Protein backbone atom coordinates (compact mmCIF):
# COMPACT_ATOMS: atom_id res chain seq x y z
CA MET A 1 -17.07 55.74 145.22
CA ILE A 2 -20.79 55.17 145.56
CA GLU A 3 -22.27 53.49 142.54
CA GLY A 4 -24.64 55.60 140.43
CA SER A 5 -27.75 53.59 141.28
CA LEU A 6 -27.20 53.87 145.04
CA PHE A 7 -26.55 57.60 145.17
CA PRO A 8 -30.18 58.79 144.76
CA TYR A 9 -31.33 56.49 147.57
CA PHE A 10 -28.64 57.79 149.90
CA VAL A 11 -29.52 61.38 149.02
CA VAL A 12 -33.21 60.78 149.78
CA ALA A 13 -32.31 59.01 153.04
CA MET A 14 -30.02 61.84 154.13
CA ILE A 15 -32.69 64.43 153.31
CA LEU A 16 -35.25 62.48 155.36
CA LEU A 17 -32.79 62.08 158.22
CA SER A 18 -31.98 65.81 158.15
CA ILE A 19 -35.65 66.80 158.15
CA GLY A 20 -36.29 64.44 161.07
CA LEU A 21 -33.34 65.77 163.03
CA LEU A 22 -34.41 69.34 162.38
CA GLY A 23 -37.91 68.48 163.61
CA VAL A 24 -36.60 66.93 166.83
CA ILE A 25 -34.34 69.89 167.56
CA SER A 26 -36.61 72.78 166.63
CA ARG A 27 -40.12 71.71 167.68
CA LYS A 28 -41.73 71.71 171.13
CA ASN A 29 -44.85 69.70 170.33
CA ILE A 30 -44.39 66.12 171.54
CA PHE A 31 -46.39 64.65 168.68
CA VAL A 32 -44.26 66.45 166.06
CA ILE A 33 -41.11 65.24 167.82
CA TYR A 34 -42.46 61.68 167.69
CA MET A 35 -43.23 61.98 163.96
CA SER A 36 -39.72 63.32 163.35
CA ILE A 37 -38.21 60.31 165.14
CA GLU A 38 -40.31 58.00 162.97
CA LEU A 39 -39.08 59.86 159.87
CA MET A 40 -35.48 59.25 160.93
CA LEU A 41 -36.22 55.55 161.45
CA SER A 42 -37.67 55.39 157.93
CA ALA A 43 -34.52 56.96 156.52
CA ILE A 44 -32.38 54.36 158.26
CA ASN A 45 -34.61 51.58 156.94
CA LEU A 46 -34.23 52.97 153.41
CA ILE A 47 -30.45 52.77 153.76
CA PHE A 48 -30.65 49.18 155.05
CA VAL A 49 -32.88 48.04 152.20
CA THR A 50 -30.74 49.82 149.60
CA LEU A 51 -27.58 48.16 150.88
CA SER A 52 -29.34 44.81 151.02
CA ASN A 53 -30.41 45.15 147.40
CA HIS A 54 -26.93 46.23 146.33
CA TYR A 55 -25.11 43.36 148.03
CA HIS A 56 -27.83 40.78 147.25
CA SER A 57 -28.06 39.85 150.92
CA MET A 58 -31.09 39.39 153.14
CA SER A 59 -29.31 40.35 156.37
CA SER A 60 -29.96 44.09 156.00
CA GLN A 61 -33.60 43.45 155.16
CA ILE A 62 -33.94 41.36 158.32
CA ILE A 63 -32.45 44.23 160.33
CA ALA A 64 -34.89 46.63 158.66
CA MET A 65 -37.81 44.38 159.63
CA MET A 66 -36.54 44.31 163.21
CA VAL A 67 -36.35 48.12 163.22
CA ILE A 68 -39.95 48.24 161.98
CA ALA A 69 -41.03 45.88 164.77
CA VAL A 70 -39.26 47.96 167.42
CA ALA A 71 -40.79 51.12 165.93
CA ALA A 72 -44.27 49.59 166.23
CA ALA A 73 -43.72 48.80 169.91
CA GLU A 74 -42.25 52.25 170.46
CA ALA A 75 -45.28 53.80 168.74
CA ALA A 76 -47.67 52.12 171.17
CA VAL A 77 -45.73 53.32 174.21
CA PHE A 78 -45.13 56.83 172.89
CA LEU A 79 -48.72 57.40 171.78
CA SER A 80 -50.04 56.21 175.16
CA LEU A 81 -47.62 58.64 176.83
CA ILE A 82 -48.92 61.45 174.63
CA VAL A 83 -52.52 60.63 175.57
CA VAL A 84 -51.74 60.58 179.30
CA LEU A 85 -49.80 63.87 179.15
CA TYR A 86 -52.57 65.55 177.20
CA LYS A 87 -55.24 64.36 179.64
CA ARG A 88 -53.29 65.61 182.64
CA ARG A 89 -51.84 68.90 181.36
CA LYS A 90 -54.12 69.73 178.37
CA SER A 91 -51.01 70.52 176.34
CA LEU A 92 -48.45 68.70 174.19
CA ASP A 93 -45.60 71.10 174.91
CA SER A 94 -42.29 69.34 175.60
CA ASP A 95 -41.62 71.63 178.58
CA ILE A 96 -44.08 69.42 180.49
CA PHE A 97 -41.25 66.97 181.10
CA VAL A 98 -39.29 69.65 182.94
CA ALA A 99 -42.33 70.42 185.08
CA LEU A 100 -42.88 66.73 185.83
CA SER A 101 -39.27 66.18 186.91
CA GLN A 102 -39.16 69.04 189.43
CA LYS A 103 -40.42 68.58 192.95
CA GLU A 104 -43.23 70.78 194.10
CA SER A 105 -42.42 72.69 197.27
CA LEU A 106 -44.95 72.50 200.07
């Protein structure tokens, strides 16, 4: 059974993960989808740090730092993609990707 001190952290992490997943599924705005993905990454980092504190090990904290580094690189790429899509289409609707993947008939 989960120890009493770990349970609140897991509950908060699962709530954050659920809110992020709901945001990815239900929203069409690319920026909101990006923020929901970042929220899910934060929930996973909370679980890693909680487990690291519980087991008195630094390995989970190192993994959490690597996730933060990957999230920073992903943020740069994703935000530049958002800027380019907004400049070209004047919208942040996720249906733009469907329009970009289809060939235009001559």
